[in-house]
Amino acid sequence: MARRPRVDDVREVALTLFAERGYHGTSMSDIAAVLGVRVPTLYSHIRSKQELLADIAVATTEAVLTDFELATDGVADMSERLRGAIEAYALRHATHPREALVVNRDIFSLEEPTQSAVLASRHHHERSVRALIIAGVEAGVFHVRSPAIASFAMLEMSVSVARWFRPEGPMSAEEVASLHGEFALNIAKDAA
């Protein structure tokens, strides 16, 4: 007799399949097949496929905000605050690529009110990075014409890490994140 999957097992399989096939390309039957159970068994652990996507999206965006706070709280030097924020974001994408791919691709598959909450968390993160840049510009540390575009550039280059980084590659996740922190400072200090 096959063992009943745990909730964590169901979420892990859903995460992998969502990352590979997309939310709409994955059925509950697909998840059940990988787990070696029948679909009704899944419903003893979760309410729906939407619940799985919501859990992934909420946990991921909360983790991004936590990473940001840990990287910046108590850091007085503006350059180090910005470097830390971007390193944390790039590292999150290098070490959690499935979550990053699912949230970035399938966010608009979320139902309300979860979609609005996840989008609000993402906007809060972007505004927080932008605020670091603005504070640096006002202090004469950073020199960018558009803090908004600079923050988007820094965040987008970090998001892309989830698509190309491989742990078996020539650089570790930490090394890649460190380079992204340097790139962010180069963007912020460019006297454009």
Protein backbone atom coordinates (compact mmCIF):
# COMPACT_ATOMS: atom_id res chain seq x y z
CA MET A 1 0.00 0.00 0.00
CA ALA A 2 1.42 3.38 -1.02
CA ARG A 3 2.03 5.87 1.75
CA ARG A 4 -0.22 8.91 1.80
CA PRO A 5 1.66 12.03 0.74
CA ARG A 6 2.19 14.83 3.24
CA VAL A 7 1.04 18.37 2.49
CA ASP A 8 4.69 19.35 2.00
CA ASP A 9 5.08 16.56 -0.58
CA VAL A 10 2.07 17.83 -2.51
CA ARG A 11 3.37 21.41 -2.47
CA GLU A 12 6.85 20.32 -3.54
CA VAL A 13 5.55 18.36 -6.52
CA ALA A 14 3.18 21.18 -7.49
CA LEU A 15 6.04 23.68 -7.31
CA THR A 16 8.21 21.57 -9.60
CA LEU A 17 5.43 20.97 -12.12
CA PHE A 18 4.29 24.61 -12.09
CA ALA A 19 7.89 25.66 -12.75
CA GLU A 20 8.27 23.18 -15.60
CA ARG A 21 4.83 23.41 -17.23
CA GLY A 22 3.19 26.52 -15.82
CA TYR A 23 0.15 26.71 -13.59
CA HIS A 24 -2.33 26.20 -16.42
CA GLY A 25 -0.22 23.41 -17.93
CA THR A 26 -0.38 21.38 -14.72
CA SER A 27 -3.43 19.43 -13.62
CA MET A 28 -4.27 17.88 -10.30
CA SER A 29 -4.02 14.55 -12.14
CA ASP A 30 -0.40 15.39 -13.03
CA ILE A 31 0.41 16.13 -9.38
CA ALA A 32 -1.32 12.94 -8.23
CA ALA A 33 0.52 10.85 -10.82
CA VAL A 34 3.94 12.06 -9.65
CA LEU A 35 2.97 11.32 -6.05
CA GLY A 36 1.61 7.90 -7.01
CA VAL A 37 -1.84 8.57 -5.57
CA ARG A 38 -5.34 9.15 -6.87
CA VAL A 39 -6.67 12.70 -7.25
CA PRO A 40 -9.21 12.37 -4.40
CA THR A 41 -6.30 11.69 -2.05
CA LEU A 42 -4.87 15.13 -2.85
CA TYR A 43 -8.07 16.79 -1.71
CA SER A 44 -7.59 15.40 1.77
CA HIS A 45 -4.52 17.67 1.98
CA ILE A 46 -5.46 20.74 -0.04
CA ARG A 47 -8.61 22.44 -1.30
CA SER A 48 -7.50 23.20 -4.84
CA LYS A 49 -4.70 23.78 -7.31
CA GLN A 50 -5.31 27.51 -6.73
CA GLU A 51 -4.52 27.03 -3.04
CA LEU A 52 -1.17 25.51 -4.00
CA LEU A 53 -0.31 28.46 -6.25
CA ALA A 54 -1.41 30.94 -3.57
CA ASP A 55 0.73 29.23 -0.92
CA ILE A 56 3.77 29.36 -3.21
CA ALA A 57 3.24 33.00 -4.20
CA VAL A 58 2.56 34.30 -0.69
CA ALA A 59 5.47 32.40 0.88
CA THR A 60 7.83 33.56 -1.87
CA THR A 61 6.94 37.24 -1.68
CA GLU A 62 7.08 37.17 2.13
CA ALA A 63 10.55 35.60 1.95
CA VAL A 64 11.74 38.32 -0.45
CA LEU A 65 10.62 41.03 1.98
CA THR A 66 12.26 39.22 4.90
CA ASP A 67 15.51 38.91 2.93
CA PHE A 68 15.40 42.64 2.18
CA GLU A 69 14.87 43.55 5.83
CA LEU A 70 17.65 41.24 7.02
CA ALA A 71 20.04 42.66 4.43
CA THR A 72 19.32 46.33 5.15
CA ASP A 73 18.23 46.72 8.77
CA GLY A 74 20.91 48.33 10.88
CA VAL A 75 23.19 49.06 7.91
CA ALA A 76 24.01 52.77 7.94
CA ASP A 77 26.20 53.02 4.83
CA MET A 78 23.93 53.68 1.84
CA SER A 79 26.12 51.82 -0.62
CA GLU A 80 26.24 48.75 1.62
CA ARG A 81 22.47 48.88 2.15
CA LEU A 82 21.85 48.88 -1.59
CA ARG A 83 24.50 46.24 -2.22
CA GLY A 84 22.99 44.02 0.48
CA ALA A 85 19.45 44.45 -0.83
CA ILE A 86 20.40 43.44 -4.36
CA GLU A 87 22.69 40.62 -3.25
CA ALA A 88 19.85 39.19 -1.17
CA TYR A 89 17.44 39.42 -4.11
CA ALA A 90 19.86 37.83 -6.58
CA LEU A 91 20.70 35.09 -4.07
CA ARG A 92 17.00 34.35 -3.54
CA HIS A 93 16.61 33.87 -7.31
CA ALA A 94 19.71 31.69 -7.56
CA THR A 95 18.69 29.45 -4.68
CA HIS A 96 14.92 29.35 -5.28
CA PRO A 97 14.54 29.37 -9.06
CA ARG A 98 11.33 27.34 -9.18
CA GLU A 99 9.53 29.75 -6.86
CA ALA A 100 10.83 32.73 -8.81
CA LEU A 101 9.72 31.29 -12.15
CA VAL A 102 6.26 30.38 -10.87
CA VAL A 103 5.58 33.70 -9.16
CA ASN A 104 6.89 35.80 -12.04
CA ARG A 105 5.09 33.84 -14.74
CA ASP A 106 1.86 32.82 -13.01
CA ILE A 107 1.09 35.77 -10.73
CA PHE A 108 -1.91 36.76 -12.84
CA SER A 109 -3.35 33.27 -12.46
CA LEU A 110 -3.88 34.00 -8.77
CA GLU A 111 -7.42 34.71 -7.70
CA GLU A 112 -8.42 37.71 -5.62
CA PRO A 113 -7.70 38.79 -2.97
CA THR A 114 -4.41 36.85 -3.10
CA GLN A 115 -3.32 38.38 -6.41
CA SER A 116 -3.66 41.91 -5.05
CA ALA A 117 -1.83 41.00 -1.85
CA VAL A 118 1.08 39.42 -3.71
CA LEU A 119 1.28 42.34 -6.13
CA ALA A 120 1.24 44.76 -3.18
CA SER A 121 4.16 42.88 -1.60
CA ARG A 122 6.11 43.03 -4.85
CA HIS A 123 5.43 46.75 -5.22
CA HIS A 124 6.47 47.33 -1.61
CA HIS A 125 9.78 45.59 -2.30
CA GLU A 126 10.41 47.61 -5.46
CA ARG A 127 9.51 50.87 -3.72
CA SER A 128 11.86 49.96 -0.87
CA VAL A 129 14.76 49.45 -3.27
CA ARG A 130 13.87 52.68 -5.06
CA ALA A 131 13.77 54.51 -1.70
CA LEU A 132 17.34 53.34 -1.01
CA ILE A 133 18.43 54.82 -4.32
CA ILE A 134 16.54 58.08 -3.76
CA ALA A 135 18.08 58.47 -0.31
CA GLY A 136 21.52 57.88 -1.82
CA VAL A 137 20.91 60.45 -4.55
CA GLU A 138 19.73 63.01 -2.00
CA ALA A 139 22.87 62.37 0.07
CA GLY A 140 25.11 62.74 -2.98
CA VAL A 141 26.24 59.09 -2.79
CA PHE A 142 24.37 57.90 -5.89
CA HIS A 143 24.07 59.70 -9.21
CA VAL A 144 21.23 58.46 -11.37
CA ARG A 145 18.76 60.45 -13.41
CA SER A 146 15.90 58.07 -12.69
CA PRO A 147 15.86 56.10 -9.43
CA ALA A 148 12.76 54.27 -10.71
CA ILE A 149 14.49 52.97 -13.83
CA ALA A 150 17.64 52.19 -11.83
CA SER A 151 15.64 50.12 -9.34
CA PHE A 152 13.84 48.27 -12.15
CA ALA A 153 17.18 47.51 -13.84
CA MET A 154 18.67 46.16 -10.61
CA LEU A 155 15.65 44.03 -9.79
CA GLU A 156 15.19 42.68 -13.33
CA MET A 157 18.84 41.64 -13.64
CA SER A 158 18.38 39.76 -10.36
CA VAL A 159 15.13 38.11 -11.45
CA SER A 160 16.86 36.73 -14.54
CA VAL A 161 19.26 34.75 -12.34
CA ALA A 162 16.48 32.19 -11.80
CA ARG A 163 16.46 31.43 -15.53
CA TRP A 164 20.19 30.94 -16.14
CA PHE A 165 22.00 30.15 -12.88
CA ARG A 166 23.08 26.53 -12.37
CA PRO A 167 24.63 25.36 -9.07
CA GLU A 168 27.08 23.16 -10.97
CA GLY A 169 28.33 26.17 -12.96
CA PRO A 170 31.64 27.97 -12.53
CA MET A 171 30.35 30.35 -9.82
CA SER A 172 28.47 29.75 -6.59
CA ALA A 173 25.13 31.38 -5.88
CA GLU A 174 26.87 33.64 -3.38
CA GLU A 175 29.46 34.73 -5.95
CA VAL A 176 26.75 35.52 -8.49
CA ALA A 177 24.82 37.49 -5.85
CA SER A 178 27.95 39.42 -4.90
CA LEU A 179 28.53 40.41 -8.52
CA HIS A 180 24.93 41.60 -8.78
CA GLY A 181 25.52 43.78 -5.73
CA GLU A 182 28.54 45.30 -7.47
CA PHE A 183 26.56 45.82 -10.67
CA ALA A 184 23.84 47.60 -8.69
CA LEU A 185 26.38 49.98 -7.19
CA ASN A 186 27.80 50.66 -10.64
CA ILE A 187 24.32 51.56 -11.86
CA ALA A 188 23.63 53.77 -8.82
CA LYS A 189 26.95 55.57 -8.97
CA ASP A 190 26.94 56.16 -12.72
CA ALA A 191 26.99 59.93 -13.13
CA ALA A 192 24.56 59.89 -16.06
